[in-house]
């Protein structure tokens, strides 16, 4: 019984290279995303140079607007300074 193996796999060879490229592309992209995350990339909804207000600043604003009373302000301020 004779089987014709001539040309077996021809035409599909490029799929092997393409598969290998995708195989390595995914880990490389994951590493790049991890590096960007660890390096503290920009927050998407904050303009350049704008800093997020600290907890103490928010507390002071709430007290200034009258949302909390003096006793609550002092208690939370002390908690923040201890923490």
C-alpha atoms as a PDB file:
ATOM      1  CA  UNK A   1       0.000   0.000   0.000  1.00  0.00           C
ATOM      2  CA  UNK A   2       1.605   3.183  -1.160  1.00  0.00           C
ATOM      3  CA  UNK A   3       0.620   6.568   0.290  1.00  0.00           C
ATOM      4  CA  UNK A   4       1.509   9.785  -1.401  1.00  0.00           C
ATOM      5  CA  UNK A   5       3.242  12.042   1.138  1.00  0.00           C
ATOM      6  CA  UNK A   6       4.474  14.446  -1.458  1.00  0.00           C
ATOM      7  CA  UNK A   7       3.513  17.950  -0.436  1.00  0.00           C
ATOM      8  CA  UNK A   8       2.185  16.922   2.958  1.00  0.00           C
ATOM      9  CA  UNK A   9       1.906  20.012   5.100  1.00  0.00           C
ATOM     10  CA  UNK A  10       2.797  22.397   2.339  1.00  0.00           C
ATOM     11  CA  UNK A  11       0.749  25.537   2.471  1.00  0.00           C
ATOM     12  CA  UNK A  12       0.141  25.174   6.208  1.00  0.00           C
ATOM     13  CA  UNK A  13       3.689  25.925   7.264  1.00  0.00           C
ATOM     14  CA  UNK A  14       2.954  29.648   7.685  1.00  0.00           C
ATOM     15  CA  UNK A  15       0.234  28.819  10.216  1.00  0.00           C
ATOM     16  CA  UNK A  16       2.862  27.346  12.499  1.00  0.00           C
ATOM     17  CA  UNK A  17       4.852  30.579  12.449  1.00  0.00           C
ATOM     18  CA  UNK A  18       1.711  32.645  12.909  1.00  0.00           C
ATOM     19  CA  UNK A  19       0.649  30.513  15.865  1.00  0.00           C
ATOM     20  CA  UNK A  20       4.074  30.837  17.449  1.00  0.00           C
ATOM     21  CA  UNK A  21       3.987  34.626  16.969  1.00  0.00           C
ATOM     22  CA  UNK A  22       0.628  34.848  18.726  1.00  0.00           C
ATOM     23  CA  UNK A  23       1.875  32.506  21.445  1.00  0.00           C
ATOM     24  CA  UNK A  24       4.731  34.905  22.259  1.00  0.00           C
ATOM     25  CA  UNK A  25       2.731  38.076  21.653  1.00  0.00           C
ATOM     26  CA  UNK A  26       0.323  37.387  24.528  1.00  0.00           C
ATOM     27  CA  UNK A  27       2.997  36.988  27.280  1.00  0.00           C
ATOM     28  CA  UNK A  28       4.901  40.018  25.975  1.00  0.00           C
ATOM     29  CA  UNK A  29       1.752  42.160  26.108  1.00  0.00           C
ATOM     30  CA  UNK A  30       0.978  40.897  29.612  1.00  0.00           C
ATOM     31  CA  UNK A  31       4.475  41.869  30.765  1.00  0.00           C
ATOM     32  CA  UNK A  32       4.106  45.341  29.242  1.00  0.00           C
ATOM     33  CA  UNK A  33       0.750  45.855  30.947  1.00  0.00           C
ATOM     34  CA  UNK A  34       2.196  44.705  34.277  1.00  0.00           C
ATOM     35  CA  UNK A  35       5.156  47.085  33.945  1.00  0.00           C
ATOM     36  CA  UNK A  36       2.835  50.000  33.139  1.00  0.00           C
ATOM     37  CA  UNK A  37       0.663  49.130  36.142  1.00  0.00           C
ATOM     38  CA  UNK A  38       3.624  48.814  38.495  1.00  0.00           C
ATOM     39  CA  UNK A  39       5.223  52.031  37.259  1.00  0.00           C
ATOM     40  CA  UNK A  40       2.054  53.919  38.191  1.00  0.00           C
ATOM     41  CA  UNK A  41       0.630  54.809  34.831  1.00  0.00           C
ATOM     42  CA  UNK A  42      -1.597  57.858  34.447  1.00  0.00           C
ATOM     43  CA  UNK A  43      -5.132  57.636  35.711  1.00  0.00           C
ATOM     44  CA  UNK A  44      -7.402  57.824  32.651  1.00  0.00           C
ATOM     45  CA  UNK A  45      -9.874  60.357  34.081  1.00  0.00           C
ATOM     46  CA  UNK A  46      -7.419  62.798  35.675  1.00  0.00           C
ATOM     47  CA  UNK A  47      -5.861  65.589  33.602  1.00  0.00           C
ATOM     48  CA  UNK A  48      -2.091  65.945  33.597  1.00  0.00           C
ATOM     49  CA  UNK A  49      -0.742  67.481  36.766  1.00  0.00           C
ATOM     50  CA  UNK A  50      -3.988  67.126  38.709  1.00  0.00           C
ATOM     51  CA  UNK A  51      -3.590  65.204  41.946  1.00  0.00           C
ATOM     52  CA  UNK A  52      -6.280  63.262  43.728  1.00  0.00           C
ATOM     53  CA  UNK A  53      -7.189  65.054  46.956  1.00  0.00           C
ATOM     54  CA  UNK A  54      -6.007  63.371  50.139  1.00  0.00           C
ATOM     55  CA  UNK A  55      -8.373  62.011  52.752  1.00  0.00           C
ATOM     56  CA  UNK A  56      -7.605  64.876  55.142  1.00  0.00           C
ATOM     57  CA  UNK A  57      -8.367  67.473  52.457  1.00  0.00           C
ATOM     58  CA  UNK A  58     -11.698  65.794  51.712  1.00  0.00           C
ATOM     59  CA  UNK A  59     -12.504  65.712  55.417  1.00  0.00           C
ATOM     60  CA  UNK A  60     -11.700  69.413  55.756  1.00  0.00           C
ATOM     61  CA  UNK A  61     -13.938  70.214  52.774  1.00  0.00           C
ATOM     62  CA  UNK A  62     -16.822  68.252  54.275  1.00  0.00           C
ATOM     63  CA  UNK A  63     -16.401  70.094  57.571  1.00  0.00           C
ATOM     64  CA  UNK A  64     -16.232  73.461  55.789  1.00  0.00           C
ATOM     65  CA  UNK A  65     -19.460  72.700  53.900  1.00  0.00           C
ATOM     66  CA  UNK A  66     -21.174  71.744  57.143  1.00  0.00           C
ATOM     67  CA  UNK A  67     -21.716  68.098  56.187  1.00  0.00           C
ATOM     68  CA  UNK A  68     -20.153  66.933  59.460  1.00  0.00           C
ATOM     69  CA  UNK A  69     -19.971  68.561  62.889  1.00  0.00           C
ATOM     70  CA  UNK A  70     -16.838  69.527  64.844  1.00  0.00           C
ATOM     71  CA  UNK A  71     -16.818  66.415  67.006  1.00  0.00           C
ATOM     72  CA  UNK A  72     -16.987  64.063  63.992  1.00  0.00           C
ATOM     73  CA  UNK A  73     -14.338  66.126  62.185  1.00  0.00           C
ATOM     74  CA  UNK A  74     -11.916  65.971  65.111  1.00  0.00           C
ATOM     75  CA  UNK A  75     -12.458  62.244  65.603  1.00  0.00           C
ATOM     76  CA  UNK A  76     -11.908  61.416  61.931  1.00  0.00           C
ATOM     77  CA  UNK A  77      -8.916  63.760  61.695  1.00  0.00           C
ATOM     78  CA  UNK A  78      -7.280  62.028  64.636  1.00  0.00           C
ATOM     79  CA  UNK A  79      -8.016  58.624  63.094  1.00  0.00           C
ATOM     80  CA  UNK A  80      -6.414  59.692  59.816  1.00  0.00           C
ATOM     81  CA  UNK A  81      -3.319  61.063  61.519  1.00  0.00           C
ATOM     82  CA  UNK A  82      -2.910  57.846  63.531  1.00  0.00           C
ATOM     83  CA  UNK A  83      -3.545  55.546  60.601  1.00  0.00           C
END
